[in-house]
Amino acid sequence: MAGAMKRSAAPAIAAIVLLMASGFASAVPDSTLCPFELGYNPNFNADGSALFCTKGQETFQVDEAGILARSLRGIGNSLRSLLGGIADGDATVFGRFVEATASIALQDGPHSISDTAAIAQFVADVLVFPSGADKSALFQISQYHFLDNNDPRVASVHITVYTAKYTLNADSIWRFNLVNGARVWQLQQTSNLVLVPV
């Protein structure tokens, strides 16, 4: 009888141990959450229970749901698509990746995105890229943070864009908006524009 109880308890104990082990395994953050394509490298704390994404002096901890890292990657994808579309002469990217009421910093100050003449002139003068340029190498993102800890749908990043004529630096605000039935990070504002001739 005792042997039968030991045999019947063995699978239950094995199942408990397996569940505990899988629980511990799932508690280890996934290092691929760090947007390495944007220059952020994964680093773990000493016991491996916390994941940090690091780029130079900048670092942030990846939360359990990975919201911070996913939003940063989403902003990077939107910026890459926006710049790639501009490089290819595709003006439709503005409708998808820039809010209709966005404020864009130009050399003479802020302009509404609806000021198409000024925006077109800026694109023609500044946002010119070498032919065949790697679109993922056109920009860098840094100084990323949510503007409001209670609303992860609004974030700020500093952007650096490498064009044929200038290195462009600006601060930017992005919002996670519903566009044609899908959530997309859209540019809401740029400010503090600095253009350095190359």
N, C-alpha and C. Protein backbone atom coordinates (compact mmCIF):
# COMPACT_ATOMS: atom_id res chain seq x y z
N MET A 1 0.83 -1.20 0.00
CA MET A 1 0.00 0.00 0.00
C MET A 1 0.87 1.25 0.00
N ALA A 2 1.90 1.24 0.88
CA ALA A 2 2.80 2.40 0.96
C ALA A 2 3.51 2.58 -0.37
N GLY A 3 3.93 1.47 -1.00
CA GLY A 3 4.60 1.56 -2.29
C GLY A 3 3.68 2.12 -3.35
N ALA A 4 2.40 1.74 -3.31
CA ALA A 4 1.44 2.26 -4.29
C ALA A 4 1.25 3.75 -4.11
N MET A 5 1.21 4.20 -2.83
CA MET A 5 1.03 5.63 -2.57
C MET A 5 2.24 6.40 -3.06
N LYS A 6 3.45 5.82 -2.84
CA LYS A 6 4.67 6.49 -3.30
C LYS A 6 4.66 6.62 -4.82
N ARG A 7 4.21 5.51 -5.50
CA ARG A 7 4.19 5.56 -6.96
C ARG A 7 3.17 6.58 -7.46
N SER A 8 1.99 6.67 -6.82
CA SER A 8 0.96 7.61 -7.29
C SER A 8 1.33 9.05 -6.95
N ALA A 9 2.11 9.25 -5.91
CA ALA A 9 2.52 10.61 -5.54
C ALA A 9 3.66 11.10 -6.42
N ALA A 10 4.45 10.18 -6.95
CA ALA A 10 5.61 10.58 -7.75
C ALA A 10 5.23 11.44 -8.95
N PRO A 11 4.20 11.08 -9.74
CA PRO A 11 3.85 11.95 -10.87
C PRO A 11 3.38 13.33 -10.41
N ALA A 12 2.65 13.40 -9.30
CA ALA A 12 2.17 14.69 -8.80
C ALA A 12 3.33 15.56 -8.37
N ILE A 13 4.31 14.97 -7.69
CA ILE A 13 5.49 15.73 -7.26
C ILE A 13 6.28 16.20 -8.47
N ALA A 14 6.42 15.31 -9.46
CA ALA A 14 7.14 15.68 -10.68
C ALA A 14 6.44 16.83 -11.39
N ALA A 15 5.10 16.79 -11.40
CA ALA A 15 4.34 17.87 -12.06
C ALA A 15 4.54 19.19 -11.33
N ILE A 16 4.55 19.16 -9.99
CA ILE A 16 4.75 20.38 -9.20
C ILE A 16 6.14 20.95 -9.46
N VAL A 17 7.15 20.08 -9.46
CA VAL A 17 8.52 20.53 -9.72
C VAL A 17 8.62 21.14 -11.12
N LEU A 18 7.97 20.49 -12.11
CA LEU A 18 8.00 21.00 -13.48
C LEU A 18 7.32 22.37 -13.57
N LEU A 19 6.17 22.52 -12.90
CA LEU A 19 5.48 23.81 -12.90
C LEU A 19 6.32 24.90 -12.25
N MET A 20 6.97 24.55 -11.14
CA MET A 20 7.83 25.53 -10.46
C MET A 20 8.99 25.92 -11.36
N ALA A 21 9.59 24.94 -12.01
CA ALA A 21 10.73 25.22 -12.88
C ALA A 21 10.31 26.09 -14.06
N SER A 22 9.14 25.79 -14.64
CA SER A 22 8.69 26.60 -15.78
C SER A 22 8.33 28.00 -15.31
N GLY A 23 7.84 28.12 -14.08
CA GLY A 23 7.54 29.45 -13.53
C GLY A 23 8.80 30.27 -13.38
N PHE A 24 9.86 29.63 -12.88
CA PHE A 24 11.13 30.34 -12.73
C PHE A 24 11.70 30.69 -14.10
N ALA A 25 11.55 29.78 -15.06
CA ALA A 25 12.09 30.04 -16.39
C ALA A 25 11.37 31.20 -17.05
N SER A 26 10.04 31.28 -16.86
CA SER A 26 9.30 32.36 -17.50
C SER A 26 9.53 33.69 -16.80
N ALA A 27 10.05 33.64 -15.55
CA ALA A 27 10.32 34.88 -14.83
C ALA A 27 11.59 35.56 -15.33
N VAL A 28 12.43 34.83 -16.06
CA VAL A 28 13.65 35.41 -16.61
C VAL A 28 13.27 36.24 -17.83
N PRO A 29 13.57 37.54 -17.83
CA PRO A 29 13.18 38.39 -18.97
C PRO A 29 13.86 37.95 -20.26
N ASP A 30 13.19 38.18 -21.36
CA ASP A 30 13.69 37.83 -22.68
C ASP A 30 14.59 38.95 -23.19
N SER A 31 15.87 38.66 -23.39
CA SER A 31 16.83 39.69 -23.80
C SER A 31 16.52 40.27 -25.17
N THR A 32 15.75 39.54 -25.99
CA THR A 32 15.43 40.06 -27.33
C THR A 32 14.42 41.20 -27.27
N LEU A 33 13.86 41.47 -26.08
CA LEU A 33 12.97 42.62 -25.94
C LEU A 33 13.73 43.93 -26.14
N CYS A 34 15.02 43.95 -25.81
CA CYS A 34 15.81 45.17 -26.01
C CYS A 34 15.96 45.43 -27.51
N PRO A 35 15.62 46.64 -27.96
CA PRO A 35 15.71 46.93 -29.40
C PRO A 35 17.16 47.11 -29.85
N PHE A 36 17.82 45.98 -30.05
CA PHE A 36 19.25 45.99 -30.43
C PHE A 36 19.47 46.70 -31.75
N GLU A 37 18.44 46.67 -32.63
CA GLU A 37 18.58 47.33 -33.92
C GLU A 37 18.66 48.85 -33.78
N LEU A 38 18.30 49.36 -32.59
CA LEU A 38 18.41 50.79 -32.30
C LEU A 38 19.63 51.10 -31.44
N GLY A 39 20.47 50.09 -31.23
CA GLY A 39 21.70 50.29 -30.47
C GLY A 39 21.59 50.02 -28.99
N TYR A 40 20.46 49.45 -28.52
CA TYR A 40 20.28 49.15 -27.11
C TYR A 40 20.69 47.70 -26.85
N ASN A 41 21.58 47.51 -25.88
CA ASN A 41 22.09 46.18 -25.57
C ASN A 41 21.49 45.66 -24.28
N PRO A 42 21.18 44.35 -24.23
CA PRO A 42 20.60 43.77 -23.02
C PRO A 42 21.66 43.52 -21.95
N ASN A 43 21.32 43.83 -20.71
CA ASN A 43 22.17 43.53 -19.56
C ASN A 43 21.28 43.06 -18.42
N PHE A 44 21.71 42.01 -17.74
CA PHE A 44 20.95 41.48 -16.61
C PHE A 44 21.60 41.88 -15.30
N ASN A 45 20.78 41.93 -14.24
CA ASN A 45 21.36 42.14 -12.91
C ASN A 45 22.06 40.85 -12.47
N ALA A 46 22.66 40.87 -11.28
CA ALA A 46 23.52 39.77 -10.84
C ALA A 46 22.81 38.42 -10.82
N ASP A 47 21.54 38.38 -10.39
CA ASP A 47 20.86 37.08 -10.31
C ASP A 47 20.04 36.77 -11.57
N GLY A 48 20.10 37.64 -12.58
CA GLY A 48 19.43 37.38 -13.84
C GLY A 48 17.94 37.60 -13.83
N SER A 49 17.41 38.21 -12.77
CA SER A 49 15.96 38.38 -12.67
C SER A 49 15.46 39.67 -13.29
N ALA A 50 16.35 40.63 -13.56
CA ALA A 50 15.93 41.91 -14.13
C ALA A 50 16.76 42.20 -15.38
N LEU A 51 16.07 42.66 -16.41
CA LEU A 51 16.71 42.99 -17.68
C LEU A 51 16.75 44.50 -17.86
N PHE A 52 17.90 45.00 -18.26
CA PHE A 52 18.08 46.42 -18.54
C PHE A 52 18.53 46.58 -19.99
N CYS A 53 17.99 47.58 -20.67
CA CYS A 53 18.44 47.92 -22.01
C CYS A 53 19.35 49.14 -21.89
N THR A 54 20.55 49.04 -22.42
CA THR A 54 21.57 50.07 -22.23
C THR A 54 22.10 50.56 -23.56
N LYS A 55 22.26 51.88 -23.65
CA LYS A 55 22.87 52.51 -24.82
C LYS A 55 23.71 53.67 -24.31
N GLY A 56 25.02 53.51 -24.30
CA GLY A 56 25.89 54.54 -23.73
C GLY A 56 25.57 54.75 -22.26
N GLN A 57 25.28 55.99 -21.87
CA GLN A 57 24.94 56.30 -20.49
C GLN A 57 23.46 56.08 -20.19
N GLU A 58 22.69 55.78 -21.21
CA GLU A 58 21.24 55.64 -21.06
C GLU A 58 20.89 54.19 -20.73
N THR A 59 19.98 54.01 -19.77
CA THR A 59 19.55 52.66 -19.42
C THR A 59 18.13 52.70 -18.89
N PHE A 60 17.37 51.65 -19.17
CA PHE A 60 16.05 51.51 -18.57
C PHE A 60 15.78 50.05 -18.31
N GLN A 61 14.98 49.79 -17.26
CA GLN A 61 14.65 48.42 -16.91
C GLN A 61 13.43 47.98 -17.71
N VAL A 62 13.50 46.77 -18.23
CA VAL A 62 12.38 46.20 -18.97
C VAL A 62 11.36 45.68 -17.98
N ASP A 63 10.15 46.22 -18.07
CA ASP A 63 9.09 45.76 -17.18
C ASP A 63 8.63 44.37 -17.60
N GLU A 64 7.83 43.73 -16.75
CA GLU A 64 7.45 42.34 -17.00
C GLU A 64 6.74 42.17 -18.34
N ALA A 65 5.90 43.13 -18.70
CA ALA A 65 5.17 43.04 -19.98
C ALA A 65 6.01 43.52 -21.16
N GLY A 66 7.16 44.14 -20.88
CA GLY A 66 8.02 44.62 -21.95
C GLY A 66 7.48 45.84 -22.67
N ILE A 67 6.60 46.61 -22.00
CA ILE A 67 5.94 47.75 -22.65
C ILE A 67 6.95 48.80 -23.09
N LEU A 68 7.89 49.14 -22.22
CA LEU A 68 8.88 50.17 -22.57
C LEU A 68 9.68 49.77 -23.80
N ALA A 69 10.20 48.57 -23.78
CA ALA A 69 11.03 48.11 -24.89
C ALA A 69 10.23 47.99 -26.18
N ARG A 70 9.00 47.49 -26.08
CA ARG A 70 8.17 47.34 -27.28
C ARG A 70 7.81 48.71 -27.88
N SER A 71 7.53 49.69 -27.01
CA SER A 71 7.18 51.01 -27.55
C SER A 71 8.39 51.67 -28.20
N LEU A 72 9.57 51.50 -27.60
CA LEU A 72 10.77 52.07 -28.20
C LEU A 72 11.03 51.44 -29.57
N ARG A 73 10.87 50.13 -29.65
CA ARG A 73 11.05 49.45 -30.93
C ARG A 73 10.00 49.93 -31.94
N GLY A 74 8.77 50.14 -31.49
CA GLY A 74 7.71 50.64 -32.37
C GLY A 74 8.01 52.03 -32.91
N ILE A 75 8.51 52.91 -32.04
CA ILE A 75 8.89 54.26 -32.48
C ILE A 75 10.02 54.17 -33.50
N GLY A 76 10.99 53.32 -33.22
CA GLY A 76 12.10 53.13 -34.16
C GLY A 76 11.61 52.64 -35.51
N ASN A 77 10.66 51.69 -35.51
CA ASN A 77 10.12 51.18 -36.77
C ASN A 77 9.37 52.27 -37.53
N SER A 78 8.60 53.10 -36.80
CA SER A 78 7.87 54.19 -37.45
C SER A 78 8.83 55.20 -38.05
N LEU A 79 9.88 55.57 -37.29
CA LEU A 79 10.84 56.54 -37.80
C LEU A 79 11.59 55.98 -39.01
N ARG A 80 11.96 54.70 -38.95
CA ARG A 80 12.63 54.06 -40.09
C ARG A 80 11.73 54.08 -41.32
N SER A 81 10.45 53.76 -41.14
CA SER A 81 9.52 53.76 -42.27
C SER A 81 9.30 55.17 -42.82
N LEU A 82 9.22 56.15 -41.91
CA LEU A 82 9.03 57.54 -42.34
C LEU A 82 10.23 58.02 -43.16
N LEU A 83 11.42 57.83 -42.63
CA LEU A 83 12.62 58.27 -43.34
C LEU A 83 12.85 57.47 -44.62
N GLY A 84 12.54 56.17 -44.56
CA GLY A 84 12.68 55.35 -45.76
C GLY A 84 11.74 55.80 -46.86
N GLY A 85 10.50 56.15 -46.48
CA GLY A 85 9.55 56.67 -47.46
C GLY A 85 10.00 57.98 -48.05
N ILE A 86 10.53 58.87 -47.19
CA ILE A 86 11.05 60.15 -47.69
C ILE A 86 12.20 59.90 -48.65
N ALA A 87 13.10 58.99 -48.29
CA ALA A 87 14.24 58.67 -49.16
C ALA A 87 13.78 58.13 -50.51
N ASP A 88 12.66 57.40 -50.51
CA ASP A 88 12.13 56.81 -51.74
C ASP A 88 11.17 57.74 -52.48
N GLY A 89 10.95 58.94 -51.92
CA GLY A 89 10.03 59.88 -52.56
C GLY A 89 8.56 59.53 -52.38
N ASP A 90 8.24 58.77 -51.32
CA ASP A 90 6.87 58.34 -51.07
C ASP A 90 6.23 59.25 -50.01
N ALA A 91 5.44 60.22 -50.44
CA ALA A 91 4.82 61.18 -49.53
C ALA A 91 3.70 60.58 -48.70
N THR A 92 3.21 59.38 -49.04
CA THR A 92 2.12 58.77 -48.28
C THR A 92 2.55 58.40 -46.87
N VAL A 93 3.86 58.30 -46.62
CA VAL A 93 4.32 57.94 -45.27
C VAL A 93 3.94 59.01 -44.26
N PHE A 94 3.79 60.26 -44.70
CA PHE A 94 3.40 61.32 -43.76
C PHE A 94 2.02 61.03 -43.18
N GLY A 95 1.09 60.56 -44.01
CA GLY A 95 -0.25 60.26 -43.53
C GLY A 95 -0.29 59.11 -42.55
N ARG A 96 0.65 58.18 -42.66
CA ARG A 96 0.65 57.02 -41.76
C ARG A 96 1.46 57.25 -40.50
N PHE A 97 2.58 57.95 -40.59
CA PHE A 97 3.50 58.03 -39.46
C PHE A 97 3.62 59.42 -38.82
N VAL A 98 2.85 60.39 -39.31
CA VAL A 98 2.85 61.73 -38.73
C VAL A 98 1.40 62.13 -38.45
N GLU A 99 1.13 62.63 -37.22
CA GLU A 99 -0.22 63.07 -36.89
C GLU A 99 -0.64 64.23 -37.80
N ALA A 100 -1.93 64.30 -38.09
CA ALA A 100 -2.45 65.35 -38.98
C ALA A 100 -2.27 66.74 -38.39
N THR A 101 -2.13 66.83 -37.06
CA THR A 101 -1.96 68.13 -36.39
C THR A 101 -0.54 68.32 -35.86
N ALA A 102 0.41 67.55 -36.36
CA ALA A 102 1.78 67.59 -35.83
C ALA A 102 2.42 68.96 -36.03
N SER A 103 3.30 69.29 -35.08
CA SER A 103 4.10 70.51 -35.17
C SER A 103 5.54 70.10 -35.45
N ILE A 104 6.10 70.62 -36.54
CA ILE A 104 7.43 70.21 -36.99
C ILE A 104 8.38 71.40 -36.90
N ALA A 105 9.52 71.21 -36.25
CA ALA A 105 10.53 72.27 -36.13
C ALA A 105 11.29 72.38 -37.44
N LEU A 106 11.26 73.57 -38.04
CA LEU A 106 12.06 73.86 -39.22
C LEU A 106 13.09 74.92 -38.86
N GLN A 107 13.91 75.33 -39.81
CA GLN A 107 14.98 76.28 -39.51
C GLN A 107 14.45 77.60 -38.97
N ASP A 108 13.26 78.02 -39.41
CA ASP A 108 12.71 79.31 -38.96
C ASP A 108 11.68 79.16 -37.85
N GLY A 109 11.58 77.98 -37.24
CA GLY A 109 10.65 77.78 -36.13
C GLY A 109 9.66 76.68 -36.42
N PRO A 110 8.68 76.49 -35.52
CA PRO A 110 7.71 75.41 -35.69
C PRO A 110 6.71 75.71 -36.80
N HIS A 111 6.35 74.65 -37.53
CA HIS A 111 5.33 74.73 -38.58
C HIS A 111 4.37 73.56 -38.40
N SER A 112 3.12 73.79 -38.78
CA SER A 112 2.16 72.70 -38.81
C SER A 112 2.49 71.79 -39.98
N ILE A 113 2.25 70.50 -39.80
CA ILE A 113 2.47 69.55 -40.89
C ILE A 113 1.58 69.90 -42.09
N SER A 114 0.50 70.63 -41.83
CA SER A 114 -0.40 71.03 -42.92
C SER A 114 0.18 72.16 -43.78
N ASP A 115 1.28 72.77 -43.32
CA ASP A 115 1.98 73.78 -44.12
C ASP A 115 2.84 73.04 -45.14
N THR A 116 2.18 72.50 -46.15
CA THR A 116 2.85 71.58 -47.07
C THR A 116 3.99 72.23 -47.84
N ALA A 117 3.87 73.53 -48.15
CA ALA A 117 4.94 74.19 -48.90
C ALA A 117 6.22 74.23 -48.08
N ALA A 118 6.11 74.62 -46.79
CA ALA A 118 7.29 74.70 -45.93
C ALA A 118 7.87 73.31 -45.67
N ILE A 119 7.01 72.33 -45.44
CA ILE A 119 7.48 70.97 -45.18
C ILE A 119 8.17 70.41 -46.43
N ALA A 120 7.57 70.62 -47.59
CA ALA A 120 8.17 70.13 -48.84
C ALA A 120 9.53 70.77 -49.08
N GLN A 121 9.66 72.06 -48.77
CA GLN A 121 10.94 72.74 -48.95
C GLN A 121 11.99 72.17 -48.00
N PHE A 122 11.59 71.89 -46.75
CA PHE A 122 12.49 71.30 -45.76
C PHE A 122 12.96 69.93 -46.22
N VAL A 123 12.03 69.13 -46.71
CA VAL A 123 12.37 67.79 -47.21
C VAL A 123 13.35 67.90 -48.37
N ALA A 124 13.08 68.82 -49.29
CA ALA A 124 13.94 68.97 -50.47
C ALA A 124 15.33 69.49 -50.11
N ASP A 125 15.39 70.39 -49.11
CA ASP A 125 16.68 71.00 -48.74
C ASP A 125 17.50 70.16 -47.77
N VAL A 126 16.81 69.50 -46.83
CA VAL A 126 17.50 68.86 -45.70
C VAL A 126 17.43 67.34 -45.75
N LEU A 127 16.25 66.79 -45.98
CA LEU A 127 16.07 65.34 -45.88
C LEU A 127 16.38 64.65 -47.21
N VAL A 128 17.59 64.84 -47.66
CA VAL A 128 18.09 64.20 -48.88
C VAL A 128 19.11 63.16 -48.45
N PHE A 129 18.92 61.92 -48.91
CA PHE A 129 19.78 60.83 -48.48
C PHE A 129 20.59 60.29 -49.65
N PRO A 130 21.77 59.76 -49.36
CA PRO A 130 22.58 59.16 -50.44
C PRO A 130 21.81 58.03 -51.12
N SER A 131 21.95 57.92 -52.40
CA SER A 131 21.27 56.88 -53.15
C SER A 131 21.69 55.50 -52.65
N GLY A 132 20.71 54.65 -52.41
CA GLY A 132 20.99 53.29 -51.97
C GLY A 132 21.40 53.16 -50.52
N ALA A 133 21.20 54.22 -49.73
CA ALA A 133 21.60 54.19 -48.31
C ALA A 133 20.81 53.14 -47.55
N ASP A 134 21.46 52.49 -46.59
CA ASP A 134 20.81 51.53 -45.71
C ASP A 134 19.84 52.30 -44.82
N LYS A 135 18.55 52.03 -44.96
CA LYS A 135 17.53 52.82 -44.25
C LYS A 135 17.62 52.66 -42.74
N SER A 136 18.14 51.54 -42.27
CA SER A 136 18.27 51.36 -40.83
C SER A 136 19.46 52.14 -40.27
N ALA A 137 20.32 52.65 -41.16
CA ALA A 137 21.49 53.42 -40.71
C ALA A 137 21.29 54.92 -40.87
N LEU A 138 20.08 55.35 -41.22
CA LEU A 138 19.82 56.77 -41.45
C LEU A 138 19.63 57.56 -40.16
N PHE A 139 19.42 56.87 -39.03
CA PHE A 139 19.06 57.58 -37.80
C PHE A 139 19.52 56.83 -36.57
N GLN A 140 19.49 57.56 -35.45
CA GLN A 140 19.68 56.98 -34.12
C GLN A 140 18.63 57.58 -33.19
N ILE A 141 18.27 56.82 -32.18
CA ILE A 141 17.32 57.27 -31.16
C ILE A 141 18.01 57.19 -29.81
N SER A 142 17.75 58.17 -28.95
CA SER A 142 18.30 58.15 -27.58
C SER A 142 17.36 58.94 -26.66
N GLN A 143 17.69 58.95 -25.37
CA GLN A 143 16.96 59.72 -24.36
C GLN A 143 15.46 59.40 -24.38
N TYR A 144 15.16 58.13 -24.44
CA TYR A 144 13.78 57.67 -24.54
C TYR A 144 13.11 57.63 -23.17
N HIS A 145 11.88 58.14 -23.09
CA HIS A 145 11.08 57.99 -21.87
C HIS A 145 9.62 58.30 -22.16
N PHE A 146 8.74 57.75 -21.32
CA PHE A 146 7.33 58.10 -21.40
C PHE A 146 7.15 59.50 -20.84
N LEU A 147 6.26 60.28 -21.43
CA LEU A 147 6.01 61.63 -20.92
C LEU A 147 5.17 61.59 -19.66
N ASP A 148 4.32 60.58 -19.54
CA ASP A 148 3.44 60.44 -18.38
C ASP A 148 3.45 58.98 -17.98
N ASN A 149 3.90 58.69 -16.76
CA ASN A 149 3.99 57.30 -16.32
C ASN A 149 2.64 56.59 -16.32
N ASN A 150 1.55 57.37 -16.28
CA ASN A 150 0.22 56.76 -16.29
C ASN A 150 -0.29 56.49 -17.70
N ASP A 151 0.40 56.98 -18.72
CA ASP A 151 -0.05 56.80 -20.09
C ASP A 151 1.12 56.37 -20.98
N PRO A 152 1.25 55.07 -21.21
CA PRO A 152 2.38 54.58 -22.02
C PRO A 152 2.18 54.80 -23.52
N ARG A 153 1.17 55.57 -23.90
CA ARG A 153 0.92 55.82 -25.32
C ARG A 153 1.55 57.11 -25.82
N VAL A 154 2.29 57.81 -24.95
CA VAL A 154 2.96 59.05 -25.36
C VAL A 154 4.40 58.97 -24.88
N ALA A 155 5.36 59.10 -25.80
CA ALA A 155 6.77 58.97 -25.43
C ALA A 155 7.60 60.05 -26.12
N SER A 156 8.74 60.33 -25.51
CA SER A 156 9.67 61.32 -26.05
C SER A 156 11.00 60.63 -26.36
N VAL A 157 11.58 60.97 -27.49
CA VAL A 157 12.92 60.48 -27.83
C VAL A 157 13.68 61.60 -28.53
N HIS A 158 15.00 61.55 -28.38
CA HIS A 158 15.86 62.44 -29.16
C HIS A 158 16.23 61.68 -30.43
N ILE A 159 16.13 62.35 -31.57
CA ILE A 159 16.46 61.70 -32.83
C ILE A 159 17.66 62.38 -33.48
N THR A 160 18.50 61.57 -34.06
CA THR A 160 19.61 62.04 -34.88
C THR A 160 19.45 61.41 -36.25
N VAL A 161 19.42 62.25 -37.28
CA VAL A 161 19.22 61.76 -38.64
C VAL A 161 20.43 62.16 -39.48
N TYR A 162 20.94 61.20 -40.25
CA TYR A 162 22.12 61.42 -41.08
C TYR A 162 21.69 61.57 -42.53
N THR A 163 21.76 62.80 -43.06
CA THR A 163 21.38 63.04 -44.44
C THR A 163 22.64 63.27 -45.27
N ALA A 164 22.45 63.49 -46.55
CA ALA A 164 23.60 63.72 -47.43
C ALA A 164 24.29 65.04 -47.12
N LYS A 165 23.54 66.01 -46.57
CA LYS A 165 24.10 67.34 -46.33
C LYS A 165 24.29 67.69 -44.86
N TYR A 166 23.48 67.08 -43.98
CA TYR A 166 23.47 67.49 -42.58
C TYR A 166 23.40 66.29 -41.64
N THR A 167 23.82 66.55 -40.41
CA THR A 167 23.43 65.70 -39.28
C THR A 167 22.36 66.49 -38.55
N LEU A 168 21.17 65.94 -38.49
CA LEU A 168 20.02 66.61 -37.89
C LEU A 168 19.79 66.05 -36.50
N ASN A 169 19.63 66.94 -35.52
CA ASN A 169 19.27 66.53 -34.16
C ASN A 169 18.00 67.26 -33.77
N ALA A 170 17.09 66.55 -33.11
CA ALA A 170 15.85 67.16 -32.64
C ALA A 170 15.25 66.30 -31.54
N ASP A 171 14.48 66.94 -30.68
CA ASP A 171 13.67 66.22 -29.71
C ASP A 171 12.33 65.93 -30.38
N SER A 172 11.72 64.82 -30.00
CA SER A 172 10.46 64.46 -30.65
C SER A 172 9.50 63.82 -29.66
N ILE A 173 8.21 63.97 -29.95
CA ILE A 173 7.15 63.34 -29.16
C ILE A 173 6.35 62.46 -30.11
N TRP A 174 6.07 61.26 -29.65
CA TRP A 174 5.34 60.26 -30.44
C TRP A 174 4.13 59.78 -29.66
N ARG A 175 3.04 59.49 -30.39
CA ARG A 175 1.82 58.96 -29.77
C ARG A 175 1.43 57.65 -30.46
N PHE A 176 0.90 56.73 -29.65
CA PHE A 176 0.48 55.42 -30.13
C PHE A 176 -0.98 55.53 -30.55
N ASN A 177 -1.23 55.83 -31.82
CA ASN A 177 -2.56 56.13 -32.32
C ASN A 177 -3.15 54.98 -33.13
N LEU A 178 -4.46 55.02 -33.25
CA LEU A 178 -5.17 54.08 -34.10
C LEU A 178 -5.23 54.65 -35.51
N VAL A 179 -4.61 53.97 -36.46
CA VAL A 179 -4.55 54.43 -37.85
C VAL A 179 -5.07 53.31 -38.75
N ASN A 180 -6.19 53.56 -39.40
CA ASN A 180 -6.79 52.55 -40.29
C ASN A 180 -6.94 51.19 -39.61
N GLY A 181 -7.40 51.22 -38.37
CA GLY A 181 -7.68 49.99 -37.64
C GLY A 181 -6.49 49.33 -36.97
N ALA A 182 -5.31 49.93 -37.07
CA ALA A 182 -4.11 49.35 -36.44
C ALA A 182 -3.40 50.42 -35.61
N ARG A 183 -2.79 50.01 -34.52
CA ARG A 183 -2.03 50.93 -33.67
C ARG A 183 -0.67 51.21 -34.28
N VAL A 184 -0.33 52.49 -34.37
CA VAL A 184 0.93 52.92 -34.98
C VAL A 184 1.49 54.07 -34.16
N TRP A 185 2.81 54.08 -33.96
CA TRP A 185 3.45 55.23 -33.33
C TRP A 185 3.57 56.33 -34.38
N GLN A 186 2.94 57.48 -34.09
CA GLN A 186 2.96 58.62 -35.00
C GLN A 186 3.71 59.79 -34.37
N LEU A 187 4.44 60.51 -35.20
CA LEU A 187 5.15 61.70 -34.77
C LEU A 187 4.15 62.82 -34.49
N GLN A 188 4.23 63.38 -33.28
CA GLN A 188 3.33 64.47 -32.89
C GLN A 188 4.04 65.82 -32.93
N GLN A 189 5.33 65.81 -32.58
CA GLN A 189 6.04 67.09 -32.50
C GLN A 189 7.54 66.88 -32.59
N THR A 190 8.22 67.83 -33.24
CA THR A 190 9.68 67.92 -33.13
C THR A 190 10.01 69.31 -32.62
N SER A 191 11.13 69.41 -31.91
CA SER A 191 11.55 70.70 -31.36
C SER A 191 13.07 70.69 -31.20
N ASN A 192 13.62 71.86 -30.88
CA ASN A 192 15.06 71.99 -30.65
C ASN A 192 15.89 71.46 -31.83
N LEU A 193 15.49 71.87 -33.02
CA LEU A 193 16.18 71.42 -34.23
C LEU A 193 17.59 72.00 -34.31
N VAL A 194 18.57 71.14 -34.57
CA VAL A 194 19.95 71.56 -34.81
C VAL A 194 20.43 70.86 -36.08
N LEU A 195 20.90 71.66 -37.04
CA LEU A 195 21.45 71.11 -38.28
C LEU A 195 22.94 71.40 -38.34
N VAL A 196 23.73 70.35 -38.49
CA VAL A 196 25.18 70.50 -38.59
C VAL A 196 25.60 70.03 -39.98
N PRO A 197 26.16 70.92 -40.81
CA PRO A 197 26.59 70.49 -42.15
C PRO A 197 27.65 69.40 -42.06
N VAL A 198 27.59 68.46 -42.99
CA VAL A 198 28.58 67.37 -42.99
C VAL A 198 29.71 67.68 -43.97
